[in-house]
Amino acid sequence: GSRAALAWASAPPWVGAGRAAEVVVNGLLPAALAVALHAGDAAAATAARRCYAELPGAAYGRTAHLAAALRAGGLRPRAAESQGMLWLASGRCEQGRCAGCALG
């Protein structure tokens, strides 16, 4: 009963804050947006988009140089930018297609 509940409540978290943020950005928010759009719930869709826009960006080693370039330009990468940087890294950086990239 209550002893088990207390033990569970005081246990260390099963996932860290970084992993939890990734689950929210990559799973929960896209699902929430899809459900809201399917249901025609504009307010819920707006809330999902706003959450996505306001969440801090994740730190990925493979995008560190891109994040540094954004910060050097005075921008603070958010979740959306982190997702975009992953796309750039896989589609350009990791293929040696740096020429023409605004971030260098």
PDB file of N, CA and C in Angstrom:
ATOM      1  N   GLY A   1       0.783  -1.174   0.000  1.00  0.00           N
ATOM      2  CA  GLY A   1       0.000   0.000   0.000  1.00  0.00           C
ATOM      3  C   GLY A   1       0.834   1.251   0.000  1.00  0.00           C
ATOM      4  N   SER A   2       0.749   1.971   1.093  1.00  0.00           N
ATOM      5  CA  SER A   2       1.385   3.289   1.139  1.00  0.00           C
ATOM      6  C   SER A   2       2.902   3.187   1.175  1.00  0.00           C
ATOM      7  N   ARG A   3       3.444   2.114   1.730  1.00  0.00           N
ATOM      8  CA  ARG A   3       4.895   1.941   1.763  1.00  0.00           C
ATOM      9  C   ARG A   3       5.439   1.787   0.340  1.00  0.00           C
ATOM     10  N   ALA A   4       4.746   1.008  -0.492  1.00  0.00           N
ATOM     11  CA  ALA A   4       5.169   0.825  -1.884  1.00  0.00           C
ATOM     12  C   ALA A   4       5.071   2.143  -2.646  1.00  0.00           C
ATOM     13  N   ALA A   5       4.006   2.895  -2.420  1.00  0.00           N
ATOM     14  CA  ALA A   5       3.839   4.183  -3.090  1.00  0.00           C
ATOM     15  C   ALA A   5       4.941   5.147  -2.690  1.00  0.00           C
ATOM     16  N   LEU A   6       5.306   5.150  -1.413  1.00  0.00           N
ATOM     17  CA  LEU A   6       6.375   6.017  -0.936  1.00  0.00           C
ATOM     18  C   LEU A   6       7.708   5.617  -1.558  1.00  0.00           C
ATOM     19  N   ALA A   7       7.978   4.314  -1.649  1.00  0.00           N
ATOM     20  CA  ALA A   7       9.220   3.845  -2.265  1.00  0.00           C
ATOM     21  C   ALA A   7       9.282   4.248  -3.735  1.00  0.00           C
ATOM     22  N   TRP A   8       8.153   4.125  -4.432  1.00  0.00           N
ATOM     23  CA  TRP A   8       8.118   4.495  -5.848  1.00  0.00           C
ATOM     24  C   TRP A   8       8.317   5.995  -6.015  1.00  0.00           C
ATOM     25  N   ALA A   9       7.691   6.783  -5.179  1.00  0.00           N
ATOM     26  CA  ALA A   9       7.777   8.241  -5.285  1.00  0.00           C
ATOM     27  C   ALA A   9       9.174   8.756  -4.978  1.00  0.00           C
ATOM     28  N   SER A  10       9.914   8.044  -4.147  1.00  0.00           N
ATOM     29  CA  SER A  10      11.254   8.508  -3.786  1.00  0.00           C
ATOM     30  C   SER A  10      12.349   7.853  -4.619  1.00  0.00           C
ATOM     31  N   ALA A  11      11.981   6.985  -5.550  1.00  0.00           N
ATOM     32  CA  ALA A  11      12.966   6.325  -6.407  1.00  0.00           C
ATOM     33  C   ALA A  11      13.574   7.330  -7.373  1.00  0.00           C
ATOM     34  N   PRO A  12      14.809   7.084  -7.812  1.00  0.00           N
ATOM     35  CA  PRO A  12      15.409   7.985  -8.798  1.00  0.00           C
ATOM     36  C   PRO A  12      14.604   7.930 -10.103  1.00  0.00           C
ATOM     37  N   PRO A  13      14.653   8.988 -10.886  1.00  0.00           N
ATOM     38  CA  PRO A  13      13.879   9.000 -12.135  1.00  0.00           C
ATOM     39  C   PRO A  13      14.342   7.900 -13.085  1.00  0.00           C
ATOM     40  N   TRP A  14      13.391   7.385 -13.850  1.00  0.00           N
ATOM     41  CA  TRP A  14      13.716   6.322 -14.795  1.00  0.00           C
ATOM     42  C   TRP A  14      14.457   6.851 -16.009  1.00  0.00           C
ATOM     43  N   VAL A  15      14.218   8.077 -16.342  1.00  0.00           N
ATOM     44  CA  VAL A  15      14.939   8.723 -17.436  1.00  0.00           C
ATOM     45  C   VAL A  15      15.396  10.091 -16.959  1.00  0.00           C
ATOM     46  N   GLY A  16      16.455  10.567 -17.549  1.00  0.00           N
ATOM     47  CA  GLY A  16      16.954  11.888 -17.187  1.00  0.00           C
ATOM     48  C   GLY A  16      16.160  12.986 -17.883  1.00  0.00           C
ATOM     49  N   ALA A  17      16.446  14.196 -17.498  1.00  0.00           N
ATOM     50  CA  ALA A  17      15.728  15.349 -18.055  1.00  0.00           C
ATOM     51  C   ALA A  17      15.949  15.476 -19.558  1.00  0.00           C
ATOM     52  N   GLY A  18      17.161  15.210 -20.013  1.00  0.00           N
ATOM     53  CA  GLY A  18      17.449  15.310 -21.444  1.00  0.00           C
ATOM     54  C   GLY A  18      16.660  14.314 -22.260  1.00  0.00           C
ATOM     55  N   ARG A  19      16.612  13.070 -21.794  1.00  0.00           N
ATOM     56  CA  ARG A  19      15.859  12.035 -22.511  1.00  0.00           C
ATOM     57  C   ARG A  19      14.360  12.343 -22.467  1.00  0.00           C
ATOM     58  N   ALA A  20      13.888  12.822 -21.346  1.00  0.00           N
ATOM     59  CA  ALA A  20      12.476  13.175 -21.232  1.00  0.00           C
ATOM     60  C   ALA A  20      12.123  14.287 -22.225  1.00  0.00           C
ATOM     61  N   ALA A  21      13.008  15.273 -22.364  1.00  0.00           N
ATOM     62  CA  ALA A  21      12.768  16.356 -23.323  1.00  0.00           C
ATOM     63  C   ALA A  21      12.736  15.813 -24.747  1.00  0.00           C
ATOM     64  N   GLU A  22      13.612  14.865 -25.061  1.00  0.00           N
ATOM     65  CA  GLU A  22      13.610  14.264 -26.396  1.00  0.00           C
ATOM     66  C   GLU A  22      12.306  13.523 -26.671  1.00  0.00           C
ATOM     67  N   VAL A  23      11.791  12.823 -25.664  1.00  0.00           N
ATOM     68  CA  VAL A  23      10.520  12.106 -25.827  1.00  0.00           C
ATOM     69  C   VAL A  23       9.390  13.103 -26.094  1.00  0.00           C
ATOM     70  N   VAL A  24       9.415  14.225 -25.387  1.00  0.00           N
ATOM     71  CA  VAL A  24       8.382  15.241 -25.590  1.00  0.00           C
ATOM     72  C   VAL A  24       8.494  15.832 -26.993  1.00  0.00           C
ATOM     73  N   VAL A  25       9.703  16.216 -27.411  1.00  0.00           N
ATOM     74  CA  VAL A  25       9.903  16.866 -28.703  1.00  0.00           C
ATOM     75  C   VAL A  25       9.653  15.906 -29.862  1.00  0.00           C
ATOM     76  N   ASN A  26      10.151  14.683 -29.748  1.00  0.00           N
ATOM     77  CA  ASN A  26      10.086  13.746 -30.875  1.00  0.00           C
ATOM     78  C   ASN A  26       8.855  12.847 -30.870  1.00  0.00           C
ATOM     79  N   GLY A  27       8.145  12.773 -29.767  1.00  0.00           N
ATOM     80  CA  GLY A  27       7.000  11.871 -29.683  1.00  0.00           C
ATOM     81  C   GLY A  27       5.716  12.528 -29.249  1.00  0.00           C
ATOM     82  N   LEU A  28       5.731  13.083 -28.057  1.00  0.00           N
ATOM     83  CA  LEU A  28       4.498  13.613 -27.479  1.00  0.00           C
ATOM     84  C   LEU A  28       3.939  14.800 -28.261  1.00  0.00           C
ATOM     85  N   LEU A  29       4.761  15.794 -28.544  1.00  0.00           N
ATOM     86  CA  LEU A  29       4.242  16.982 -29.234  1.00  0.00           C
ATOM     87  C   LEU A  29       3.797  16.689 -30.664  1.00  0.00           C
ATOM     88  N   PRO A  30       4.551  15.912 -31.462  1.00  0.00           N
ATOM     89  CA  PRO A  30       4.030  15.576 -32.795  1.00  0.00           C
ATOM     90  C   PRO A  30       2.707  14.812 -32.722  1.00  0.00           C
ATOM     91  N   ALA A  31       2.593  13.889 -31.758  1.00  0.00           N
ATOM     92  CA  ALA A  31       1.338  13.144 -31.610  1.00  0.00           C
ATOM     93  C   ALA A  31       0.210  14.070 -31.188  1.00  0.00           C
ATOM     94  N   ALA A  32       0.481  14.962 -30.252  1.00  0.00           N
ATOM     95  CA  ALA A  32      -0.547  15.907 -29.805  1.00  0.00           C
ATOM     96  C   ALA A  32      -0.999  16.803 -30.952  1.00  0.00           C
ATOM     97  N   LEU A  33      -0.060  17.251 -31.751  1.00  0.00           N
ATOM     98  CA  LEU A  33      -0.407  18.096 -32.900  1.00  0.00           C
ATOM     99  C   LEU A  33      -1.243  17.316 -33.913  1.00  0.00           C
ATOM    100  N   ALA A  34      -0.847  16.083 -34.197  1.00  0.00           N
ATOM    101  CA  ALA A  34      -1.598  15.268 -35.153  1.00  0.00           C
ATOM    102  C   ALA A  34      -3.024  15.030 -34.678  1.00  0.00           C
ATOM    103  N   VAL A  35      -3.190  14.706 -33.416  1.00  0.00           N
ATOM    104  CA  VAL A  35      -4.533  14.469 -32.870  1.00  0.00           C
ATOM    105  C   VAL A  35      -5.361  15.754 -32.925  1.00  0.00           C
ATOM    106  N   ALA A  36      -4.741  16.867 -32.561  1.00  0.00           N
ATOM    107  CA  ALA A  36      -5.458  18.142 -32.580  1.00  0.00           C
ATOM    108  C   ALA A  36      -5.889  18.507 -33.994  1.00  0.00           C
ATOM    109  N   LEU A  37      -4.996  18.334 -34.962  1.00  0.00           N
ATOM    110  CA  LEU A  37      -5.347  18.652 -36.342  1.00  0.00           C
ATOM    111  C   LEU A  37      -6.438  17.726 -36.858  1.00  0.00           C
ATOM    112  N   HIS A  38      -6.330  16.451 -36.542  1.00  0.00           N
ATOM    113  CA  HIS A  38      -7.344  15.485 -36.973  1.00  0.00           C
ATOM    114  C   HIS A  38      -8.712  15.814 -36.370  1.00  0.00           C
ATOM    115  N   ALA A  39      -8.709  16.260 -35.124  1.00  0.00           N
ATOM    116  CA  ALA A  39      -9.961  16.589 -34.434  1.00  0.00           C
ATOM    117  C   ALA A  39     -10.467  17.989 -34.787  1.00  0.00           C
ATOM    118  N   GLY A  40      -9.666  18.753 -35.514  1.00  0.00           N
ATOM    119  CA  GLY A  40     -10.066  20.121 -35.841  1.00  0.00           C
ATOM    120  C   GLY A  40     -10.006  21.059 -34.651  1.00  0.00           C
ATOM    121  N   ASP A  41      -9.156  20.732 -33.682  1.00  0.00           N
ATOM    122  CA  ASP A  41      -9.029  21.537 -32.465  1.00  0.00           C
ATOM    123  C   ASP A  41      -7.888  22.539 -32.641  1.00  0.00           C
ATOM    124  N   ALA A  42      -8.226  23.714 -33.139  1.00  0.00           N
ATOM    125  CA  ALA A  42      -7.219  24.732 -33.434  1.00  0.00           C
ATOM    126  C   ALA A  42      -6.480  25.188 -32.186  1.00  0.00           C
ATOM    127  N   ALA A  43      -7.172  25.291 -31.061  1.00  0.00           N
ATOM    128  CA  ALA A  43      -6.520  25.746 -29.822  1.00  0.00           C
ATOM    129  C   ALA A  43      -5.467  24.738 -29.361  1.00  0.00           C
ATOM    130  N   ALA A  44      -5.790  23.460 -29.420  1.00  0.00           N
ATOM    131  CA  ALA A  44      -4.820  22.440 -29.009  1.00  0.00           C
ATOM    132  C   ALA A  44      -3.643  22.390 -29.978  1.00  0.00           C
ATOM    133  N   ALA A  45      -3.915  22.563 -31.274  1.00  0.00           N
ATOM    134  CA  ALA A  45      -2.834  22.576 -32.259  1.00  0.00           C
ATOM    135  C   ALA A  45      -1.906  23.765 -32.012  1.00  0.00           C
ATOM    136  N   THR A  46      -2.482  24.901 -31.717  1.00  0.00           N
ATOM    137  CA  THR A  46      -1.682  26.096 -31.415  1.00  0.00           C
ATOM    138  C   THR A  46      -0.847  25.877 -30.160  1.00  0.00           C
ATOM    139  N   ALA A  47      -1.430  25.258 -29.152  1.00  0.00           N
ATOM    140  CA  ALA A  47      -0.692  24.993 -27.910  1.00  0.00           C
ATOM    141  C   ALA A  47       0.472  24.044 -28.159  1.00  0.00           C
ATOM    142  N   ALA A  48       0.266  23.014 -28.959  1.00  0.00           N
ATOM    143  CA  ALA A  48       1.346  22.073 -29.266  1.00  0.00           C
ATOM    144  C   ALA A  48       2.465  22.773 -30.020  1.00  0.00           C
ATOM    145  N   ARG A  49       2.094  23.597 -30.986  1.00  0.00           N
ATOM    146  CA  ARG A  49       3.111  24.339 -31.750  1.00  0.00           C
ATOM    147  C   ARG A  49       3.873  25.319 -30.853  1.00  0.00           C
ATOM    148  N   ARG A  50       3.157  25.979 -29.935  1.00  0.00           N
ATOM    149  CA  ARG A  50       3.804  26.939 -29.040  1.00  0.00           C
ATOM    150  C   ARG A  50       4.788  26.230 -28.110  1.00  0.00           C
ATOM    151  N   CYS A  51       4.386  25.090 -27.577  1.00  0.00           N
ATOM    152  CA  CYS A  51       5.293  24.316 -26.720  1.00  0.00           C
ATOM    153  C   CYS A  51       6.559  23.951 -27.483  1.00  0.00           C
ATOM    154  N   TYR A  52       6.379  23.487 -28.708  1.00  0.00           N
ATOM    155  CA  TYR A  52       7.519  23.098 -29.537  1.00  0.00           C
ATOM    156  C   TYR A  52       8.447  24.281 -29.776  1.00  0.00           C
ATOM    157  N   ALA A  53       7.857  25.440 -30.041  1.00  0.00           N
ATOM    158  CA  ALA A  53       8.655  26.637 -30.322  1.00  0.00           C
ATOM    159  C   ALA A  53       9.397  27.144 -29.096  1.00  0.00           C
ATOM    160  N   GLU A  54       8.864  26.870 -27.901  1.00  0.00           N
ATOM    161  CA  GLU A  54       9.458  27.419 -26.682  1.00  0.00           C
ATOM    162  C   GLU A  54      10.414  26.474 -25.967  1.00  0.00           C
ATOM    163  N   LEU A  55      10.387  25.186 -26.316  1.00  0.00           N
ATOM    164  CA  LEU A  55      11.271  24.245 -25.624  1.00  0.00           C
ATOM    165  C   LEU A  55      12.726  24.512 -25.975  1.00  0.00           C
ATOM    166  N   PRO A  56      13.612  24.395 -25.003  1.00  0.00           N
ATOM    167  CA  PRO A  56      15.035  24.587 -25.308  1.00  0.00           C
ATOM    168  C   PRO A  56      15.548  23.496 -26.224  1.00  0.00           C
ATOM    169  N   GLY A  57      16.569  23.820 -26.967  1.00  0.00           N
ATOM    170  CA  GLY A  57      17.163  22.864 -27.888  1.00  0.00           C
ATOM    171  C   GLY A  57      17.955  21.793 -27.166  1.00  0.00           C
ATOM    172  N   ALA A  58      18.031  20.652 -27.796  1.00  0.00           N
ATOM    173  CA  ALA A  58      18.819  19.544 -27.253  1.00  0.00           C
ATOM    174  C   ALA A  58      20.268  19.691 -27.691  1.00  0.00           C
ATOM    175  N   ALA A  59      21.162  19.165 -26.895  1.00  0.00           N
ATOM    176  CA  ALA A  59      22.582  19.204 -27.214  1.00  0.00           C
ATOM    177  C   ALA A  59      22.989  17.884 -27.860  1.00  0.00           C
ATOM    178  N   TYR A  60      23.303  17.941 -29.131  1.00  0.00           N
ATOM    179  CA  TYR A  60      23.767  16.769 -29.860  1.00  0.00           C
ATOM    180  C   TYR A  60      25.204  17.023 -30.292  1.00  0.00           C
ATOM    181  N   GLY A  61      26.072  16.067 -30.048  1.00  0.00           N
ATOM    182  CA  GLY A  61      27.470  16.221 -30.434  1.00  0.00           C
ATOM    183  C   GLY A  61      27.652  16.471 -31.918  1.00  0.00           C
ATOM    184  N   ARG A  62      26.841  15.810 -32.731  1.00  0.00           N
ATOM    185  CA  ARG A  62      27.006  15.938 -34.176  1.00  0.00           C
ATOM    186  C   ARG A  62      26.536  17.284 -34.711  1.00  0.00           C
ATOM    187  N   THR A  63      25.841  18.068 -33.899  1.00  0.00           N
ATOM    188  CA  THR A  63      25.393  19.392 -34.346  1.00  0.00           C
ATOM    189  C   THR A  63      26.043  20.516 -33.547  1.00  0.00           C
ATOM    190  N   ALA A  64      27.049  20.190 -32.758  1.00  0.00           N
ATOM    191  CA  ALA A  64      27.679  21.195 -31.896  1.00  0.00           C
ATOM    192  C   ALA A  64      28.214  22.378 -32.706  1.00  0.00           C
ATOM    193  N   HIS A  65      28.823  22.112 -33.863  1.00  0.00           N
ATOM    194  CA  HIS A  65      29.371  23.204 -34.673  1.00  0.00           C
ATOM    195  C   HIS A  65      28.265  24.093 -35.230  1.00  0.00           C
ATOM    196  N   LEU A  66      27.118  23.522 -35.545  1.00  0.00           N
ATOM    197  CA  LEU A  66      26.002  24.314 -36.045  1.00  0.00           C
ATOM    198  C   LEU A  66      25.399  25.166 -34.925  1.00  0.00           C
ATOM    199  N   ALA A  67      25.250  24.568 -33.749  1.00  0.00           N
ATOM    200  CA  ALA A  67      24.728  25.316 -32.601  1.00  0.00           C
ATOM    201  C   ALA A  67      25.663  26.463 -32.244  1.00  0.00           C
ATOM    202  N   ALA A  68      26.973  26.214 -32.314  1.00  0.00           N
ATOM    203  CA  ALA A  68      27.947  27.266 -32.024  1.00  0.00           C
ATOM    204  C   ALA A  68      27.824  28.412 -33.025  1.00  0.00           C
ATOM    205  N   ALA A  69      27.587  28.072 -34.290  1.00  0.00           N
ATOM    206  CA  ALA A  69      27.430  29.109 -35.316  1.00  0.00           C
ATOM    207  C   ALA A  69      26.174  29.940 -35.055  1.00  0.00           C
ATOM    208  N   LEU A  70      25.097  29.296 -34.640  1.00  0.00           N
ATOM    209  CA  LEU A  70      23.874  30.039 -34.320  1.00  0.00           C
ATOM    210  C   LEU A  70      24.094  30.947 -33.115  1.00  0.00           C
ATOM    211  N   ARG A  71      24.743  30.395 -32.075  1.00  0.00           N
ATOM    212  CA  ARG A  71      24.999  31.210 -30.879  1.00  0.00           C
ATOM    213  C   ARG A  71      25.917  32.381 -31.211  1.00  0.00           C
ATOM    214  N   ALA A  72      26.901  32.171 -32.083  1.00  0.00           N
ATOM    215  CA  ALA A  72      27.802  33.258 -32.479  1.00  0.00           C
ATOM    216  C   ALA A  72      27.033  34.361 -33.191  1.00  0.00           C
ATOM    217  N   GLY A  73      25.951  34.001 -33.842  1.00  0.00           N
ATOM    218  CA  GLY A  73      25.099  34.981 -34.513  1.00  0.00           C
ATOM    219  C   GLY A  73      24.050  35.577 -33.602  1.00  0.00           C
ATOM    220  N   GLY A  74      24.120  35.248 -32.308  1.00  0.00           N
ATOM    221  CA  GLY A  74      23.197  35.820 -31.344  1.00  0.00           C
ATOM    222  C   GLY A  74      21.890  35.060 -31.186  1.00  0.00           C
ATOM    223  N   LEU A  75      21.807  33.871 -31.761  1.00  0.00           N
ATOM    224  CA  LEU A  75      20.586  33.071 -31.653  1.00  0.00           C
ATOM    225  C   LEU A  75      20.761  31.975 -30.609  1.00  0.00           C
ATOM    226  N   ARG A  76      19.678  31.658 -29.937  1.00  0.00           N
ATOM    227  CA  ARG A  76      19.690  30.576 -28.954  1.00  0.00           C
ATOM    228  C   ARG A  76      18.878  29.425 -29.538  1.00  0.00           C
ATOM    229  N   PRO A  77      19.543  28.332 -29.929  1.00  0.00           N
ATOM    230  CA  PRO A  77      18.814  27.225 -30.556  1.00  0.00           C
ATOM    231  C   PRO A  77      17.723  26.659 -29.643  1.00  0.00           C
ATOM    232  N   ARG A  78      16.521  26.526 -30.185  1.00  0.00           N
ATOM    233  CA  ARG A  78      15.388  25.930 -29.490  1.00  0.00           C
ATOM    234  C   ARG A  78      15.163  24.530 -30.064  1.00  0.00           C
ATOM    235  N   ALA A  79      14.120  23.863 -29.630  1.00  0.00           N
ATOM    236  CA  ALA A  79      13.849  22.496 -30.083  1.00  0.00           C
ATOM    237  C   ALA A  79      13.721  22.427 -31.606  1.00  0.00           C
ATOM    238  N   ALA A  80      13.015  23.370 -32.188  1.00  0.00           N
ATOM    239  CA  ALA A  80      12.832  23.364 -33.643  1.00  0.00           C
ATOM    240  C   ALA A  80      14.169  23.504 -34.359  1.00  0.00           C
ATOM    241  N   GLU A  81      15.022  24.381 -33.865  1.00  0.00           N
ATOM    242  CA  GLU A  81      16.340  24.546 -34.480  1.00  0.00           C
ATOM    243  C   GLU A  81      17.186  23.291 -34.305  1.00  0.00           C
ATOM    244  N   SER A  82      17.063  22.641 -33.154  1.00  0.00           N
ATOM    245  CA  SER A  82      17.806  21.394 -32.932  1.00  0.00           C
ATOM    246  C   SER A  82      17.410  20.336 -33.951  1.00  0.00           C
ATOM    247  N   GLN A  83      16.109  20.237 -34.219  1.00  0.00           N
ATOM    248  CA  GLN A  83      15.638  19.282 -35.229  1.00  0.00           C
ATOM    249  C   GLN A  83      16.171  19.665 -36.606  1.00  0.00           C
ATOM    250  N   GLY A  84      16.147  20.944 -36.917  1.00  0.00           N
ATOM    251  CA  GLY A  84      16.678  21.405 -38.195  1.00  0.00           C
ATOM    252  C   GLY A  84      18.161  21.148 -38.321  1.00  0.00           C
ATOM    253  N   MET A  85      18.898  21.334 -37.231  1.00  0.00           N
ATOM    254  CA  MET A  85      20.335  21.074 -37.269  1.00  0.00           C
ATOM    255  C   MET A  85      20.624  19.596 -37.490  1.00  0.00           C
ATOM    256  N   LEU A  86      19.812  18.709 -36.930  1.00  0.00           N
ATOM    257  CA  LEU A  86      19.984  17.274 -37.187  1.00  0.00           C
ATOM    258  C   LEU A  86      19.787  16.976 -38.671  1.00  0.00           C
ATOM    259  N   TRP A  87      18.792  17.621 -39.267  1.00  0.00           N
ATOM    260  CA  TRP A  87      18.542  17.436 -40.696  1.00  0.00           C
ATOM    261  C   TRP A  87      19.735  17.950 -41.508  1.00  0.00           C
ATOM    262  N   LEU A  88      20.224  19.147 -41.155  1.00  0.00           N
ATOM    263  CA  LEU A  88      21.387  19.692 -41.865  1.00  0.00           C
ATOM    264  C   LEU A  88      22.608  18.788 -41.703  1.00  0.00           C
ATOM    265  N   ALA A  89      22.831  18.310 -40.486  1.00  0.00           N
ATOM    266  CA  ALA A  89      23.998  17.460 -40.237  1.00  0.00           C
ATOM    267  C   ALA A  89      23.957  16.205 -41.095  1.00  0.00           C
ATOM    268  N   SER A  90      22.800  15.562 -41.153  1.00  0.00           N
ATOM    269  CA  SER A  90      22.722  14.323 -41.920  1.00  0.00           C
ATOM    270  C   SER A  90      22.665  14.574 -43.422  1.00  0.00           C
ATOM    271  N   GLY A  91      22.072  15.675 -43.841  1.00  0.00           N
ATOM    272  CA  GLY A  91      21.912  15.938 -45.271  1.00  0.00           C
ATOM    273  C   GLY A  91      23.026  16.728 -45.904  1.00  0.00           C
ATOM    274  N   ARG A  92      23.830  17.402 -45.104  1.00  0.00           N
ATOM    275  CA  ARG A  92      24.898  18.228 -45.659  1.00  0.00           C
ATOM    276  C   ARG A  92      26.242  17.979 -44.978  1.00  0.00           C
ATOM    277  N   CYS A  93      26.295  18.251 -43.674  1.00  0.00           N
ATOM    278  CA  CYS A  93      27.582  18.205 -42.964  1.00  0.00           C
ATOM    279  C   CYS A  93      28.266  16.844 -43.081  1.00  0.00           C
ATOM    280  N   GLU A  94      27.518  15.791 -42.810  1.00  0.00           N
ATOM    281  CA  GLU A  94      28.105  14.455 -42.780  1.00  0.00           C
ATOM    282  C   GLU A  94      28.376  13.909 -44.178  1.00  0.00           C
ATOM    283  N   GLN A  95      27.933  14.638 -45.207  1.00  0.00           N
ATOM    284  CA  GLN A  95      28.189  14.256 -46.583  1.00  0.00           C
ATOM    285  C   GLN A  95      29.215  15.171 -47.228  1.00  0.00           C
ATOM    286  N   GLY A  96      29.815  16.073 -46.425  1.00  0.00           N
ATOM    287  CA  GLY A  96      30.834  16.986 -46.935  1.00  0.00           C
ATOM    288  C   GLY A  96      30.280  18.051 -47.862  1.00  0.00           C
ATOM    289  N   ARG A  97      29.021  18.391 -47.710  1.00  0.00           N
ATOM    290  CA  ARG A  97      28.381  19.379 -48.588  1.00  0.00           C
ATOM    291  C   ARG A  97      28.310  20.731 -47.874  1.00  0.00           C
ATOM    292  N   CYS A  98      29.433  21.225 -47.424  1.00  0.00           N
ATOM    293  CA  CYS A  98      29.491  22.479 -46.665  1.00  0.00           C
ATOM    294  C   CYS A  98      29.395  23.712 -47.568  1.00  0.00           C
ATOM    295  N   ALA A  99      29.845  23.583 -48.814  1.00  0.00           N
ATOM    296  CA  ALA A  99      29.820  24.725 -49.728  1.00  0.00           C
ATOM    297  C   ALA A  99      28.382  25.197 -49.914  1.00  0.00           C
ATOM    298  N   GLY A 100      28.196  26.474 -49.766  1.00  0.00           N
ATOM    299  CA  GLY A 100      26.880  27.061 -49.945  1.00  0.00           C
ATOM    300  C   GLY A 100      26.035  27.102 -48.702  1.00  0.00           C
ATOM    301  N   CYS A 101      26.498  26.489 -47.613  1.00  0.00           N
ATOM    302  CA  CYS A 101      25.737  26.511 -46.363  1.00  0.00           C
ATOM    303  C   CYS A 101      25.969  27.863 -45.681  1.00  0.00           C
ATOM    304  N   ALA A 102      24.901  28.487 -45.253  1.00  0.00           N
ATOM    305  CA  ALA A 102      25.006  29.797 -44.594  1.00  0.00           C
ATOM    306  C   ALA A 102      25.754  29.723 -43.276  1.00  0.00           C
ATOM    307  N   LEU A 103      25.762  28.533 -42.653  1.00  0.00           N
ATOM    308  CA  LEU A 103      26.446  28.392 -41.382  1.00  0.00           C
ATOM    309  C   LEU A 103      27.910  27.987 -41.539  1.00  0.00           C
ATOM    310  N   GLY A 104      28.303  27.646 -42.735  1.00  0.00           N
ATOM    311  CA  GLY A 104      29.699  27.277 -42.996  1.00  0.00           C
ATOM    312  C   GLY A 104      29.932  25.890 -42.639  1.00  0.00           C
TER     313      GLY A 104
END
